[in-house]
Amino acid sequence: MPNKYIILRLISNIEGYLNDLKRVDEITFNEFIEDIIKQRFIERTLHIIIESVLDIMHHIISDLKLREPDSYADAFKVLFENKIISENTRNNGKLMAQFRNRLVHYYEKNEPEIIFGILKKHLNDIWVFINDVKKFAGTE
């Protein structure tokens, strides 16, 4: 069984980062576009959150000796296959992994509309992931 304390520490980190983003949740798109510091803060905080989500998944996969995922998106599928996360979380996770790859590898210029859209519409996806993992770990 995965170490609950590691999972809870990582979840606590994610919750802290999500709370940090509350500082800018009233920002308008125009304010976002005009303030490079806020853009970088939001972009980097989203990146750290996603990396923490990936850390949780790989901890669970490793400790349970589940099938080795061939990508970050596949790690969400592995957790779904083992009934650790919901199908909705798996689908959202695939998008998270794609976004993470765009941030890290600069496949394309990171479009402000996408980053702003995640801030405004998709932070709940992270909370759903957290709740799925807490249920699995019995720490709810």
N, C-alpha and C. Protein backbone atom coordinates (compact mmCIF):
# COMPACT_ATOMS: atom_id res chain seq x y z
N MET A 1 0.85 -1.19 0.00
CA MET A 1 0.00 0.00 0.00
C MET A 1 0.89 1.24 0.00
N PRO A 2 0.55 2.23 -0.81
CA PRO A 2 1.35 3.46 -0.85
C PRO A 2 1.38 4.15 0.51
N ASN A 3 2.46 4.83 0.77
CA ASN A 3 2.63 5.55 2.01
C ASN A 3 1.67 6.74 2.07
N LYS A 4 0.70 6.67 2.98
CA LYS A 4 -0.32 7.72 3.10
C LYS A 4 0.31 9.07 3.44
N TYR A 5 1.38 9.06 4.20
CA TYR A 5 2.00 10.31 4.61
C TYR A 5 2.63 11.04 3.42
N ILE A 6 3.21 10.27 2.52
CA ILE A 6 3.76 10.89 1.30
C ILE A 6 2.63 11.47 0.47
N ILE A 7 1.57 10.70 0.29
CA ILE A 7 0.42 11.17 -0.49
C ILE A 7 -0.18 12.41 0.15
N LEU A 8 -0.36 12.39 1.47
CA LEU A 8 -0.95 13.55 2.15
C LEU A 8 -0.05 14.77 2.07
N ARG A 9 1.26 14.59 2.13
CA ARG A 9 2.18 15.72 2.00
C ARG A 9 2.08 16.34 0.62
N LEU A 10 2.05 15.49 -0.39
CA LEU A 10 1.94 16.00 -1.76
C LEU A 10 0.59 16.68 -1.99
N ILE A 11 -0.47 16.09 -1.46
CA ILE A 11 -1.80 16.71 -1.57
C ILE A 11 -1.80 18.06 -0.86
N SER A 12 -1.19 18.13 0.31
CA SER A 12 -1.12 19.39 1.05
C SER A 12 -0.37 20.45 0.23
N ASN A 13 0.70 20.04 -0.44
CA ASN A 13 1.42 20.97 -1.30
C ASN A 13 0.51 21.50 -2.42
N ILE A 14 -0.21 20.59 -3.05
CA ILE A 14 -1.11 20.98 -4.15
C ILE A 14 -2.18 21.94 -3.63
N GLU A 15 -2.76 21.61 -2.48
CA GLU A 15 -3.79 22.49 -1.91
C GLU A 15 -3.22 23.88 -1.63
N GLY A 16 -1.98 23.94 -1.17
CA GLY A 16 -1.33 25.23 -0.95
C GLY A 16 -1.15 26.01 -2.24
N TYR A 17 -0.74 25.32 -3.29
CA TYR A 17 -0.57 25.99 -4.60
C TYR A 17 -1.92 26.47 -5.14
N LEU A 18 -2.95 25.65 -4.97
CA LEU A 18 -4.29 26.07 -5.41
C LEU A 18 -4.75 27.30 -4.62
N ASN A 19 -4.45 27.33 -3.34
CA ASN A 19 -4.78 28.51 -2.54
C ASN A 19 -3.97 29.73 -2.99
N ASP A 20 -2.71 29.51 -3.40
CA ASP A 20 -1.92 30.62 -3.94
C ASP A 20 -2.59 31.22 -5.16
N LEU A 21 -3.19 30.36 -5.99
CA LEU A 21 -3.85 30.86 -7.20
C LEU A 21 -5.10 31.67 -6.89
N LYS A 22 -5.65 31.48 -5.69
CA LYS A 22 -6.82 32.29 -5.30
C LYS A 22 -6.47 33.78 -5.26
N ARG A 23 -5.19 34.10 -5.09
CA ARG A 23 -4.75 35.50 -5.08
C ARG A 23 -5.03 36.20 -6.41
N VAL A 24 -5.14 35.41 -7.45
CA VAL A 24 -5.33 36.01 -8.78
C VAL A 24 -6.63 35.55 -9.43
N ASP A 25 -7.54 34.95 -8.67
CA ASP A 25 -8.74 34.40 -9.31
C ASP A 25 -9.71 35.47 -9.80
N GLU A 26 -9.53 36.70 -9.38
CA GLU A 26 -10.39 37.79 -9.86
C GLU A 26 -9.78 38.54 -11.05
N ILE A 27 -8.61 38.12 -11.48
CA ILE A 27 -7.93 38.80 -12.57
C ILE A 27 -8.75 38.69 -13.86
N THR A 28 -8.77 39.77 -14.62
CA THR A 28 -9.42 39.74 -15.93
C THR A 28 -8.40 39.31 -16.97
N PHE A 29 -8.90 38.93 -18.14
CA PHE A 29 -7.98 38.52 -19.20
C PHE A 29 -7.06 39.67 -19.60
N ASN A 30 -7.60 40.88 -19.67
CA ASN A 30 -6.76 42.03 -20.04
C ASN A 30 -5.67 42.26 -19.01
N GLU A 31 -5.99 42.14 -17.71
CA GLU A 31 -4.98 42.30 -16.67
C GLU A 31 -3.92 41.19 -16.80
N PHE A 32 -4.37 40.00 -17.10
CA PHE A 32 -3.46 38.87 -17.27
C PHE A 32 -2.49 39.14 -18.42
N ILE A 33 -3.01 39.59 -19.54
CA ILE A 33 -2.19 39.84 -20.73
C ILE A 33 -1.16 40.94 -20.46
N GLU A 34 -1.56 41.93 -19.70
CA GLU A 34 -0.70 43.10 -19.48
C GLU A 34 0.32 42.92 -18.37
N ASP A 35 0.23 41.86 -17.58
CA ASP A 35 1.11 41.68 -16.43
C ASP A 35 1.92 40.39 -16.57
N ILE A 36 3.15 40.51 -17.06
CA ILE A 36 3.99 39.34 -17.30
C ILE A 36 4.31 38.60 -16.00
N ILE A 37 4.39 39.32 -14.90
CA ILE A 37 4.68 38.67 -13.61
C ILE A 37 3.52 37.76 -13.22
N LYS A 38 2.30 38.24 -13.36
CA LYS A 38 1.15 37.39 -13.05
C LYS A 38 1.05 36.22 -14.03
N GLN A 39 1.36 36.47 -15.29
CA GLN A 39 1.34 35.37 -16.27
C GLN A 39 2.31 34.28 -15.85
N ARG A 40 3.53 34.67 -15.51
CA ARG A 40 4.54 33.68 -15.13
C ARG A 40 4.18 32.99 -13.81
N PHE A 41 3.62 33.74 -12.87
CA PHE A 41 3.20 33.16 -11.60
C PHE A 41 2.14 32.09 -11.83
N ILE A 42 1.16 32.40 -12.63
CA ILE A 42 0.07 31.46 -12.89
C ILE A 42 0.59 30.25 -13.66
N GLU A 43 1.36 30.49 -14.71
CA GLU A 43 1.90 29.41 -15.53
C GLU A 43 2.77 28.48 -14.68
N ARG A 44 3.68 29.04 -13.91
CA ARG A 44 4.59 28.22 -13.12
C ARG A 44 3.85 27.48 -12.01
N THR A 45 2.88 28.12 -11.38
CA THR A 45 2.12 27.45 -10.31
C THR A 45 1.33 26.28 -10.88
N LEU A 46 0.72 26.47 -12.05
CA LEU A 46 0.02 25.35 -12.69
C LEU A 46 0.98 24.21 -13.00
N HIS A 47 2.17 24.55 -13.46
CA HIS A 47 3.17 23.54 -13.77
C HIS A 47 3.55 22.75 -12.51
N ILE A 48 3.80 23.45 -11.41
CA ILE A 48 4.17 22.79 -10.15
C ILE A 48 3.04 21.88 -9.67
N ILE A 49 1.81 22.34 -9.80
CA ILE A 49 0.66 21.52 -9.40
C ILE A 49 0.63 20.22 -10.20
N ILE A 50 0.78 20.34 -11.50
CA ILE A 50 0.73 19.15 -12.36
C ILE A 50 1.87 18.20 -12.03
N GLU A 51 3.06 18.73 -11.80
CA GLU A 51 4.19 17.87 -11.43
C GLU A 51 3.91 17.14 -10.12
N SER A 52 3.26 17.81 -9.18
CA SER A 52 2.90 17.17 -7.91
C SER A 52 1.86 16.07 -8.12
N VAL A 53 0.91 16.31 -9.00
CA VAL A 53 -0.08 15.28 -9.35
C VAL A 53 0.64 14.06 -9.93
N LEU A 54 1.59 14.31 -10.83
CA LEU A 54 2.34 13.21 -11.44
C LEU A 54 3.15 12.46 -10.38
N ASP A 55 3.71 13.18 -9.42
CA ASP A 55 4.46 12.52 -8.33
C ASP A 55 3.56 11.58 -7.55
N ILE A 56 2.35 12.03 -7.24
CA ILE A 56 1.40 11.18 -6.52
C ILE A 56 1.11 9.93 -7.33
N MET A 57 0.82 10.10 -8.60
CA MET A 57 0.47 8.95 -9.43
C MET A 57 1.62 7.95 -9.51
N HIS A 58 2.82 8.44 -9.73
CA HIS A 58 3.94 7.53 -9.86
C HIS A 58 4.28 6.85 -8.53
N HIS A 59 4.05 7.53 -7.44
CA HIS A 59 4.22 6.90 -6.13
C HIS A 59 3.25 5.72 -5.98
N ILE A 60 2.00 5.96 -6.31
CA ILE A 60 0.99 4.90 -6.20
C ILE A 60 1.31 3.75 -7.14
N ILE A 61 1.63 4.06 -8.39
CA ILE A 61 1.94 3.03 -9.39
C ILE A 61 3.13 2.19 -8.94
N SER A 62 4.17 2.85 -8.45
CA SER A 62 5.37 2.14 -8.03
C SER A 62 5.10 1.25 -6.81
N ASP A 63 4.46 1.82 -5.79
CA ASP A 63 4.22 1.05 -4.56
C ASP A 63 3.28 -0.13 -4.77
N LEU A 64 2.32 0.03 -5.66
CA LEU A 64 1.38 -1.07 -5.93
C LEU A 64 1.88 -2.01 -7.02
N LYS A 65 3.04 -1.67 -7.59
CA LYS A 65 3.64 -2.47 -8.67
C LYS A 65 2.66 -2.65 -9.83
N LEU A 66 2.04 -1.55 -10.21
CA LEU A 66 1.12 -1.56 -11.34
C LEU A 66 1.91 -1.48 -12.63
N ARG A 67 1.19 -1.66 -13.70
CA ARG A 67 1.82 -1.60 -15.03
C ARG A 67 2.54 -0.25 -15.19
N GLU A 68 3.73 -0.31 -15.76
CA GLU A 68 4.53 0.90 -15.98
C GLU A 68 3.91 1.73 -17.11
N PRO A 69 3.54 2.97 -16.84
CA PRO A 69 2.94 3.80 -17.89
C PRO A 69 3.99 4.21 -18.92
N ASP A 70 3.55 4.39 -20.15
CA ASP A 70 4.50 4.79 -21.19
C ASP A 70 4.50 6.31 -21.43
N SER A 71 3.68 7.02 -20.69
CA SER A 71 3.64 8.48 -20.79
C SER A 71 2.94 9.02 -19.55
N TYR A 72 2.98 10.33 -19.39
CA TYR A 72 2.25 10.94 -18.27
C TYR A 72 0.75 10.72 -18.43
N ALA A 73 0.26 10.87 -19.64
CA ALA A 73 -1.17 10.64 -19.88
C ALA A 73 -1.54 9.19 -19.56
N ASP A 74 -0.66 8.27 -19.90
CA ASP A 74 -0.92 6.86 -19.64
C ASP A 74 -0.94 6.56 -18.14
N ALA A 75 -0.23 7.33 -17.34
CA ALA A 75 -0.26 7.13 -15.89
C ALA A 75 -1.68 7.33 -15.35
N PHE A 76 -2.40 8.31 -15.91
CA PHE A 76 -3.79 8.49 -15.51
C PHE A 76 -4.61 7.26 -15.90
N LYS A 77 -4.31 6.70 -17.06
CA LYS A 77 -5.04 5.50 -17.50
C LYS A 77 -4.76 4.33 -16.57
N VAL A 78 -3.51 4.18 -16.13
CA VAL A 78 -3.16 3.10 -15.21
C VAL A 78 -3.96 3.22 -13.92
N LEU A 79 -4.06 4.43 -13.38
CA LEU A 79 -4.84 4.61 -12.15
C LEU A 79 -6.32 4.34 -12.39
N PHE A 80 -6.81 4.73 -13.56
CA PHE A 80 -8.21 4.46 -13.88
C PHE A 80 -8.45 2.95 -14.01
N GLU A 81 -7.56 2.26 -14.69
CA GLU A 81 -7.70 0.81 -14.87
C GLU A 81 -7.76 0.07 -13.53
N ASN A 82 -7.12 0.65 -12.53
CA ASN A 82 -7.07 0.02 -11.21
C ASN A 82 -8.05 0.65 -10.23
N LYS A 83 -9.03 1.38 -10.80
CA LYS A 83 -10.15 1.95 -10.03
C LYS A 83 -9.69 2.89 -8.90
N ILE A 84 -8.61 3.60 -9.15
CA ILE A 84 -8.10 4.57 -8.18
C ILE A 84 -8.65 5.96 -8.47
N ILE A 85 -8.83 6.25 -9.75
CA ILE A 85 -9.44 7.53 -10.15
C ILE A 85 -10.62 7.24 -11.07
N SER A 86 -11.48 8.24 -11.20
CA SER A 86 -12.67 8.10 -12.05
C SER A 86 -12.31 8.28 -13.52
N GLU A 87 -13.24 7.90 -14.37
CA GLU A 87 -13.04 8.08 -15.81
C GLU A 87 -12.92 9.56 -16.15
N ASN A 88 -13.72 10.40 -15.50
CA ASN A 88 -13.65 11.83 -15.73
C ASN A 88 -12.26 12.38 -15.37
N THR A 89 -11.72 11.91 -14.25
CA THR A 89 -10.38 12.34 -13.83
C THR A 89 -9.34 11.86 -14.83
N ARG A 90 -9.50 10.64 -15.32
CA ARG A 90 -8.57 10.13 -16.34
C ARG A 90 -8.59 11.02 -17.57
N ASN A 91 -9.77 11.37 -18.03
CA ASN A 91 -9.88 12.21 -19.23
C ASN A 91 -9.29 13.59 -19.01
N ASN A 92 -9.57 14.18 -17.86
CA ASN A 92 -9.00 15.49 -17.54
C ASN A 92 -7.49 15.39 -17.35
N GLY A 93 -7.05 14.28 -16.80
CA GLY A 93 -5.63 14.06 -16.59
C GLY A 93 -4.85 14.01 -17.88
N LYS A 94 -5.43 13.42 -18.90
CA LYS A 94 -4.77 13.39 -20.21
C LYS A 94 -4.51 14.81 -20.70
N LEU A 95 -5.49 15.68 -20.52
CA LEU A 95 -5.32 17.09 -20.91
C LEU A 95 -4.27 17.78 -20.05
N MET A 96 -4.24 17.45 -18.75
CA MET A 96 -3.22 18.00 -17.86
C MET A 96 -1.83 17.61 -18.34
N ALA A 97 -1.67 16.36 -18.69
CA ALA A 97 -0.37 15.87 -19.15
C ALA A 97 0.05 16.58 -20.44
N GLN A 98 -0.89 16.76 -21.35
CA GLN A 98 -0.59 17.48 -22.59
C GLN A 98 -0.18 18.92 -22.30
N PHE A 99 -0.89 19.58 -21.39
CA PHE A 99 -0.57 20.95 -21.02
C PHE A 99 0.82 21.01 -20.39
N ARG A 100 1.11 20.06 -19.50
CA ARG A 100 2.43 20.00 -18.86
C ARG A 100 3.53 19.88 -19.91
N ASN A 101 3.34 19.03 -20.90
CA ASN A 101 4.34 18.85 -21.94
C ASN A 101 4.54 20.13 -22.75
N ARG A 102 3.46 20.84 -23.01
CA ARG A 102 3.58 22.12 -23.72
C ARG A 102 4.38 23.13 -22.91
N LEU A 103 4.12 23.16 -21.60
CA LEU A 103 4.85 24.09 -20.74
C LEU A 103 6.34 23.77 -20.69
N VAL A 104 6.65 22.51 -20.51
CA VAL A 104 8.02 22.09 -20.29
C VAL A 104 8.84 22.09 -21.58
N HIS A 105 8.25 21.64 -22.65
CA HIS A 105 9.01 21.44 -23.88
C HIS A 105 8.79 22.54 -24.92
N TYR A 106 7.95 23.50 -24.59
CA TYR A 106 7.70 24.62 -25.50
C TYR A 106 7.40 24.15 -26.92
N TYR A 107 6.54 23.14 -27.04
CA TYR A 107 6.16 22.64 -28.35
C TYR A 107 5.61 23.78 -29.20
N GLU A 108 4.87 24.60 -28.57
CA GLU A 108 4.31 25.78 -29.23
C GLU A 108 4.39 26.91 -28.23
N LYS A 109 4.26 28.11 -28.72
CA LYS A 109 4.18 29.23 -27.79
C LYS A 109 2.96 29.00 -26.91
N ASN A 110 3.15 29.14 -25.62
CA ASN A 110 2.03 28.94 -24.70
C ASN A 110 1.05 30.09 -24.85
N GLU A 111 -0.11 29.75 -25.32
CA GLU A 111 -1.12 30.75 -25.61
C GLU A 111 -1.76 31.23 -24.32
N PRO A 112 -1.77 32.54 -24.11
CA PRO A 112 -2.35 33.09 -22.88
C PRO A 112 -3.80 32.67 -22.67
N GLU A 113 -4.55 32.50 -23.74
CA GLU A 113 -5.96 32.11 -23.63
C GLU A 113 -6.09 30.74 -22.96
N ILE A 114 -5.17 29.84 -23.27
CA ILE A 114 -5.22 28.49 -22.69
C ILE A 114 -4.91 28.55 -21.20
N ILE A 115 -3.84 29.24 -20.85
CA ILE A 115 -3.44 29.34 -19.44
C ILE A 115 -4.53 30.03 -18.63
N PHE A 116 -5.06 31.12 -19.16
CA PHE A 116 -6.12 31.85 -18.47
C PHE A 116 -7.37 30.98 -18.34
N GLY A 117 -7.69 30.23 -19.38
CA GLY A 117 -8.84 29.34 -19.34
C GLY A 117 -8.71 28.26 -18.28
N ILE A 118 -7.51 27.73 -18.12
CA ILE A 118 -7.29 26.71 -17.08
C ILE A 118 -7.48 27.33 -15.71
N LEU A 119 -6.93 28.52 -15.52
CA LEU A 119 -7.09 29.22 -14.24
C LEU A 119 -8.57 29.43 -13.91
N LYS A 120 -9.34 29.83 -14.88
CA LYS A 120 -10.74 30.19 -14.63
C LYS A 120 -11.70 29.00 -14.63
N LYS A 121 -11.38 27.94 -15.39
CA LYS A 121 -12.37 26.89 -15.60
C LYS A 121 -11.96 25.49 -15.17
N HIS A 122 -10.68 25.25 -14.91
CA HIS A 122 -10.26 23.85 -14.74
C HIS A 122 -9.53 23.53 -13.45
N LEU A 123 -9.47 24.45 -12.52
CA LEU A 123 -8.81 24.13 -11.25
C LEU A 123 -9.60 23.08 -10.47
N ASN A 124 -10.89 23.03 -10.70
CA ASN A 124 -11.70 22.01 -10.03
C ASN A 124 -11.27 20.60 -10.44
N ASP A 125 -10.72 20.43 -11.63
CA ASP A 125 -10.23 19.12 -12.06
C ASP A 125 -9.16 18.60 -11.09
N ILE A 126 -8.35 19.52 -10.57
CA ILE A 126 -7.31 19.13 -9.62
C ILE A 126 -7.95 18.69 -8.30
N TRP A 127 -8.96 19.44 -7.85
CA TRP A 127 -9.66 19.06 -6.62
C TRP A 127 -10.31 17.69 -6.76
N VAL A 128 -10.86 17.39 -7.92
CA VAL A 128 -11.48 16.08 -8.14
C VAL A 128 -10.41 14.98 -8.05
N PHE A 129 -9.25 15.22 -8.66
CA PHE A 129 -8.15 14.26 -8.57
C PHE A 129 -7.78 14.03 -7.10
N ILE A 130 -7.63 15.13 -6.35
CA ILE A 130 -7.28 15.03 -4.93
C ILE A 130 -8.31 14.18 -4.19
N ASN A 131 -9.57 14.44 -4.43
CA ASN A 131 -10.63 13.68 -3.75
C ASN A 131 -10.60 12.21 -4.13
N ASP A 132 -10.36 11.91 -5.40
CA ASP A 132 -10.24 10.50 -5.83
C ASP A 132 -9.11 9.80 -5.08
N VAL A 133 -7.98 10.46 -4.99
CA VAL A 133 -6.81 9.86 -4.32
C VAL A 133 -7.05 9.72 -2.83
N LYS A 134 -7.68 10.72 -2.22
CA LYS A 134 -7.99 10.62 -0.79
C LYS A 134 -8.93 9.44 -0.51
N LYS A 135 -9.91 9.24 -1.37
CA LYS A 135 -10.81 8.09 -1.20
C LYS A 135 -10.03 6.79 -1.29
N PHE A 136 -9.17 6.69 -2.30
CA PHE A 136 -8.36 5.49 -2.48
C PHE A 136 -7.48 5.23 -1.25
N ALA A 137 -6.85 6.28 -0.75
CA ALA A 137 -5.91 6.12 0.35
C ALA A 137 -6.59 6.05 1.72
N GLY A 138 -7.90 6.25 1.73
CA GLY A 138 -8.62 6.20 2.99
C GLY A 138 -8.32 7.37 3.90
N THR A 139 -8.03 8.51 3.30
CA THR A 139 -7.66 9.70 4.09
C THR A 139 -8.68 10.81 3.94
N GLU A 140 -9.81 10.48 3.43
CA GLU A 140 -10.86 11.47 3.16
C GLU A 140 -11.43 12.05 4.42
